[in-house]
Amino acid sequence: TEERANIIDALKVLDYTNKQFEEHEEKLTKKFGFKQNYVDMILNIFNENILKGIQGDYYQMALLLNKEGMKFFHFLQISVKIQLEEFK
Protein backbone atom coordinates (compact mmCIF):
# COMPACT_ATOMS: atom_id res chain seq x y z
CA THR A 1 0.00 0.00 0.00
CA GLU A 2 0.99 3.65 -0.27
CA GLU A 3 1.08 3.96 3.53
CA ARG A 4 3.47 1.02 3.76
CA ALA A 5 5.68 2.47 1.03
CA ASN A 6 5.86 5.77 2.91
CA ILE A 7 6.88 3.93 6.05
CA ILE A 8 9.60 1.99 4.25
CA ASP A 9 10.90 5.30 2.88
CA ALA A 10 10.91 6.78 6.39
CA LEU A 11 12.87 3.82 7.73
CA LYS A 12 15.56 4.14 5.07
CA VAL A 13 17.11 6.71 7.43
CA LEU A 14 17.93 3.70 9.61
CA ASP A 15 19.10 1.63 6.62
CA TYR A 16 16.03 -0.55 7.15
CA THR A 17 15.10 -2.73 4.18
CA ASN A 18 11.65 -3.93 3.20
CA LYS A 19 12.68 -7.45 4.23
CA GLN A 20 13.75 -6.25 7.68
CA PHE A 21 10.46 -4.40 8.04
CA GLU A 22 8.51 -7.56 7.17
CA GLU A 23 10.54 -9.57 9.68
CA HIS A 24 9.91 -6.94 12.35
CA GLU A 25 6.21 -6.91 11.50
CA GLU A 26 6.09 -10.70 11.88
CA LYS A 27 7.98 -10.55 15.20
CA LEU A 28 5.59 -7.98 16.67
CA THR A 29 2.53 -9.87 15.41
CA LYS A 30 3.82 -13.01 17.11
CA LYS A 31 4.65 -11.11 20.31
CA PHE A 32 1.30 -9.32 20.66
CA GLY A 33 -0.97 -11.82 18.93
CA PHE A 34 -2.24 -9.32 16.37
CA LYS A 35 -0.88 -7.14 13.61
CA GLN A 36 0.37 -3.77 14.85
CA ASN A 37 -0.54 -0.57 13.08
CA TYR A 38 2.26 1.01 11.09
CA VAL A 39 2.83 3.92 13.47
CA ASP A 40 3.33 1.56 16.42
CA MET A 41 5.69 -0.55 14.34
CA ILE A 42 7.80 2.46 13.35
CA LEU A 43 7.92 3.68 16.94
CA ASN A 44 8.98 0.22 18.06
CA ILE A 45 11.76 0.14 15.47
CA PHE A 46 13.03 3.58 16.49
CA ASN A 47 12.89 2.63 20.17
CA GLU A 48 14.86 -0.55 19.51
CA ASN A 49 17.51 1.41 17.63
CA ILE A 50 17.76 3.96 20.43
CA LEU A 51 18.19 1.20 23.00
CA LYS A 52 20.82 -0.54 20.87
CA GLY A 53 22.75 2.72 20.64
CA ILE A 54 22.55 3.32 24.37
CA GLN A 55 23.47 -0.31 25.06
CA GLY A 56 26.52 0.05 22.85
CA ASP A 57 27.55 3.27 24.59
CA TYR A 58 27.39 1.66 28.02
CA TYR A 59 29.37 -1.32 26.75
CA GLN A 60 32.06 0.94 25.29
CA MET A 61 32.22 2.88 28.56
CA ALA A 62 32.68 -0.40 30.45
CA LEU A 63 35.49 -1.44 28.10
CA LEU A 64 37.26 1.89 28.54
CA LEU A 65 36.93 1.85 32.32
CA ASN A 66 38.17 -1.75 32.45
CA LYS A 67 41.15 -0.87 30.27
CA GLU A 68 41.98 2.03 32.58
CA GLY A 69 41.74 -0.22 35.65
CA MET A 70 38.66 1.54 36.95
CA LYS A 71 35.36 0.13 38.20
CA PHE A 72 33.35 -0.90 35.15
CA PHE A 73 30.92 -3.58 36.30
CA HIS A 74 27.94 -1.24 36.78
CA PHE A 75 28.18 -0.01 33.17
CA LEU A 76 28.50 -3.56 31.91
CA GLN A 77 25.42 -4.53 33.93
CA ILE A 78 23.39 -1.72 32.39
CA SER A 79 24.53 -2.75 28.91
CA VAL A 80 23.50 -6.37 29.45
CA LYS A 81 20.19 -5.37 31.06
CA ILE A 82 19.29 -3.28 28.02
CA GLN A 83 20.26 -6.16 25.74
CA LEU A 84 18.12 -8.61 27.71
CA GLU A 85 15.07 -6.32 27.43
CA GLU A 86 14.88 -7.35 23.77
CA PHE A 87 13.81 -10.84 24.81
CA LYS A 88 10.73 -9.76 26.76
C-alpha atoms as a PDB file:
ATOM      1  CA  THR A   1       0.000   0.000   0.000  1.00  0.00           C
ATOM      2  CA  GLU A   2       0.986   3.653  -0.265  1.00  0.00           C
ATOM      3  CA  GLU A   3       1.079   3.963   3.527  1.00  0.00           C
ATOM      4  CA  ARG A   4       3.467   1.022   3.764  1.00  0.00           C
ATOM      5  CA  ALA A   5       5.682   2.467   1.026  1.00  0.00           C
ATOM      6  CA  ASN A   6       5.862   5.772   2.911  1.00  0.00           C
ATOM      7  CA  ILE A   7       6.882   3.929   6.051  1.00  0.00           C
ATOM      8  CA  ILE A   8       9.596   1.992   4.245  1.00  0.00           C
ATOM      9  CA  ASP A   9      10.903   5.299   2.883  1.00  0.00           C
ATOM     10  CA  ALA A  10      10.906   6.781   6.392  1.00  0.00           C
ATOM     11  CA  LEU A  11      12.867   3.816   7.726  1.00  0.00           C
ATOM     12  CA  LYS A  12      15.561   4.145   5.068  1.00  0.00           C
ATOM     13  CA  VAL A  13      17.109   6.710   7.427  1.00  0.00           C
ATOM     14  CA  LEU A  14      17.935   3.702   9.606  1.00  0.00           C
ATOM     15  CA  ASP A  15      19.096   1.632   6.618  1.00  0.00           C
ATOM     16  CA  TYR A  16      16.033  -0.553   7.149  1.00  0.00           C
ATOM     17  CA  THR A  17      15.101  -2.728   4.182  1.00  0.00           C
ATOM     18  CA  ASN A  18      11.652  -3.928   3.198  1.00  0.00           C
ATOM     19  CA  LYS A  19      12.681  -7.450   4.227  1.00  0.00           C
ATOM     20  CA  GLN A  20      13.753  -6.245   7.681  1.00  0.00           C
ATOM     21  CA  PHE A  21      10.456  -4.404   8.039  1.00  0.00           C
ATOM     22  CA  GLU A  22       8.507  -7.557   7.168  1.00  0.00           C
ATOM     23  CA  GLU A  23      10.543  -9.572   9.683  1.00  0.00           C
ATOM     24  CA  HIS A  24       9.909  -6.940  12.347  1.00  0.00           C
ATOM     25  CA  GLU A  25       6.207  -6.909  11.495  1.00  0.00           C
ATOM     26  CA  GLU A  26       6.090 -10.697  11.879  1.00  0.00           C
ATOM     27  CA  LYS A  27       7.980 -10.554  15.200  1.00  0.00           C
ATOM     28  CA  LEU A  28       5.586  -7.976  16.669  1.00  0.00           C
ATOM     29  CA  THR A  29       2.534  -9.870  15.413  1.00  0.00           C
ATOM     30  CA  LYS A  30       3.825 -13.013  17.109  1.00  0.00           C
ATOM     31  CA  LYS A  31       4.653 -11.115  20.313  1.00  0.00           C
ATOM     32  CA  PHE A  32       1.305  -9.320  20.663  1.00  0.00           C
ATOM     33  CA  GLY A  33      -0.968 -11.819  18.928  1.00  0.00           C
ATOM     34  CA  PHE A  34      -2.241  -9.323  16.370  1.00  0.00           C
ATOM     35  CA  LYS A  35      -0.878  -7.136  13.606  1.00  0.00           C
ATOM     36  CA  GLN A  36       0.371  -3.767  14.853  1.00  0.00           C
ATOM     37  CA  ASN A  37      -0.540  -0.569  13.080  1.00  0.00           C
ATOM     38  CA  TYR A  38       2.260   1.006  11.092  1.00  0.00           C
ATOM     39  CA  VAL A  39       2.832   3.919  13.468  1.00  0.00           C
ATOM     40  CA  ASP A  40       3.326   1.556  16.415  1.00  0.00           C
ATOM     41  CA  MET A  41       5.694  -0.550  14.340  1.00  0.00           C
ATOM     42  CA  ILE A  42       7.797   2.460  13.355  1.00  0.00           C
ATOM     43  CA  LEU A  43       7.921   3.684  16.944  1.00  0.00           C
ATOM     44  CA  ASN A  44       8.980   0.224  18.062  1.00  0.00           C
ATOM     45  CA  ILE A  45      11.756   0.139  15.467  1.00  0.00           C
ATOM     46  CA  PHE A  46      13.030   3.580  16.487  1.00  0.00           C
ATOM     47  CA  ASN A  47      12.895   2.631  20.169  1.00  0.00           C
ATOM     48  CA  GLU A  48      14.864  -0.555  19.513  1.00  0.00           C
ATOM     49  CA  ASN A  49      17.508   1.406  17.633  1.00  0.00           C
ATOM     50  CA  ILE A  50      17.755   3.961  20.430  1.00  0.00           C
ATOM     51  CA  LEU A  51      18.192   1.200  22.996  1.00  0.00           C
ATOM     52  CA  LYS A  52      20.823  -0.542  20.867  1.00  0.00           C
ATOM     53  CA  GLY A  53      22.751   2.720  20.638  1.00  0.00           C
ATOM     54  CA  ILE A  54      22.552   3.318  24.369  1.00  0.00           C
ATOM     55  CA  GLN A  55      23.467  -0.306  25.065  1.00  0.00           C
ATOM     56  CA  GLY A  56      26.520   0.048  22.853  1.00  0.00           C
ATOM     57  CA  ASP A  57      27.551   3.269  24.588  1.00  0.00           C
ATOM     58  CA  TYR A  58      27.390   1.658  28.024  1.00  0.00           C
ATOM     59  CA  TYR A  59      29.369  -1.320  26.745  1.00  0.00           C
ATOM     60  CA  GLN A  60      32.061   0.944  25.287  1.00  0.00           C
ATOM     61  CA  MET A  61      32.221   2.876  28.563  1.00  0.00           C
ATOM     62  CA  ALA A  62      32.679  -0.405  30.452  1.00  0.00           C
ATOM     63  CA  LEU A  63      35.486  -1.442  28.098  1.00  0.00           C
ATOM     64  CA  LEU A  64      37.264   1.885  28.539  1.00  0.00           C
ATOM     65  CA  LEU A  65      36.933   1.846  32.315  1.00  0.00           C
ATOM     66  CA  ASN A  66      38.169  -1.748  32.450  1.00  0.00           C
ATOM     67  CA  LYS A  67      41.146  -0.874  30.265  1.00  0.00           C
ATOM     68  CA  GLU A  68      41.979   2.028  32.583  1.00  0.00           C
ATOM     69  CA  GLY A  69      41.742  -0.219  35.647  1.00  0.00           C
ATOM     70  CA  MET A  70      38.656   1.541  36.947  1.00  0.00           C
ATOM     71  CA  LYS A  71      35.359   0.133  38.198  1.00  0.00           C
ATOM     72  CA  PHE A  72      33.355  -0.897  35.153  1.00  0.00           C
ATOM     73  CA  PHE A  73      30.920  -3.576  36.303  1.00  0.00           C
ATOM     74  CA  HIS A  74      27.943  -1.243  36.781  1.00  0.00           C
ATOM     75  CA  PHE A  75      28.182  -0.008  33.173  1.00  0.00           C
ATOM     76  CA  LEU A  76      28.499  -3.565  31.907  1.00  0.00           C
ATOM     77  CA  GLN A  77      25.418  -4.526  33.932  1.00  0.00           C
ATOM     78  CA  ILE A  78      23.387  -1.723  32.389  1.00  0.00           C
ATOM     79  CA  SER A  79      24.531  -2.747  28.915  1.00  0.00           C
ATOM     80  CA  VAL A  80      23.504  -6.368  29.446  1.00  0.00           C
ATOM     81  CA  LYS A  81      20.194  -5.371  31.059  1.00  0.00           C
ATOM     82  CA  ILE A  82      19.288  -3.277  28.017  1.00  0.00           C
ATOM     83  CA  GLN A  83      20.260  -6.159  25.738  1.00  0.00           C
ATOM     84  CA  LEU A  84      18.117  -8.608  27.710  1.00  0.00           C
ATOM     85  CA  GLU A  85      15.069  -6.324  27.434  1.00  0.00           C
ATOM     86  CA  GLU A  86      14.884  -7.351  23.769  1.00  0.00           C
ATOM     87  CA  PHE A  87      13.812 -10.844  24.814  1.00  0.00           C
ATOM     88  CA  LYS A  88      10.725  -9.760  26.760  1.00  0.00           C
END
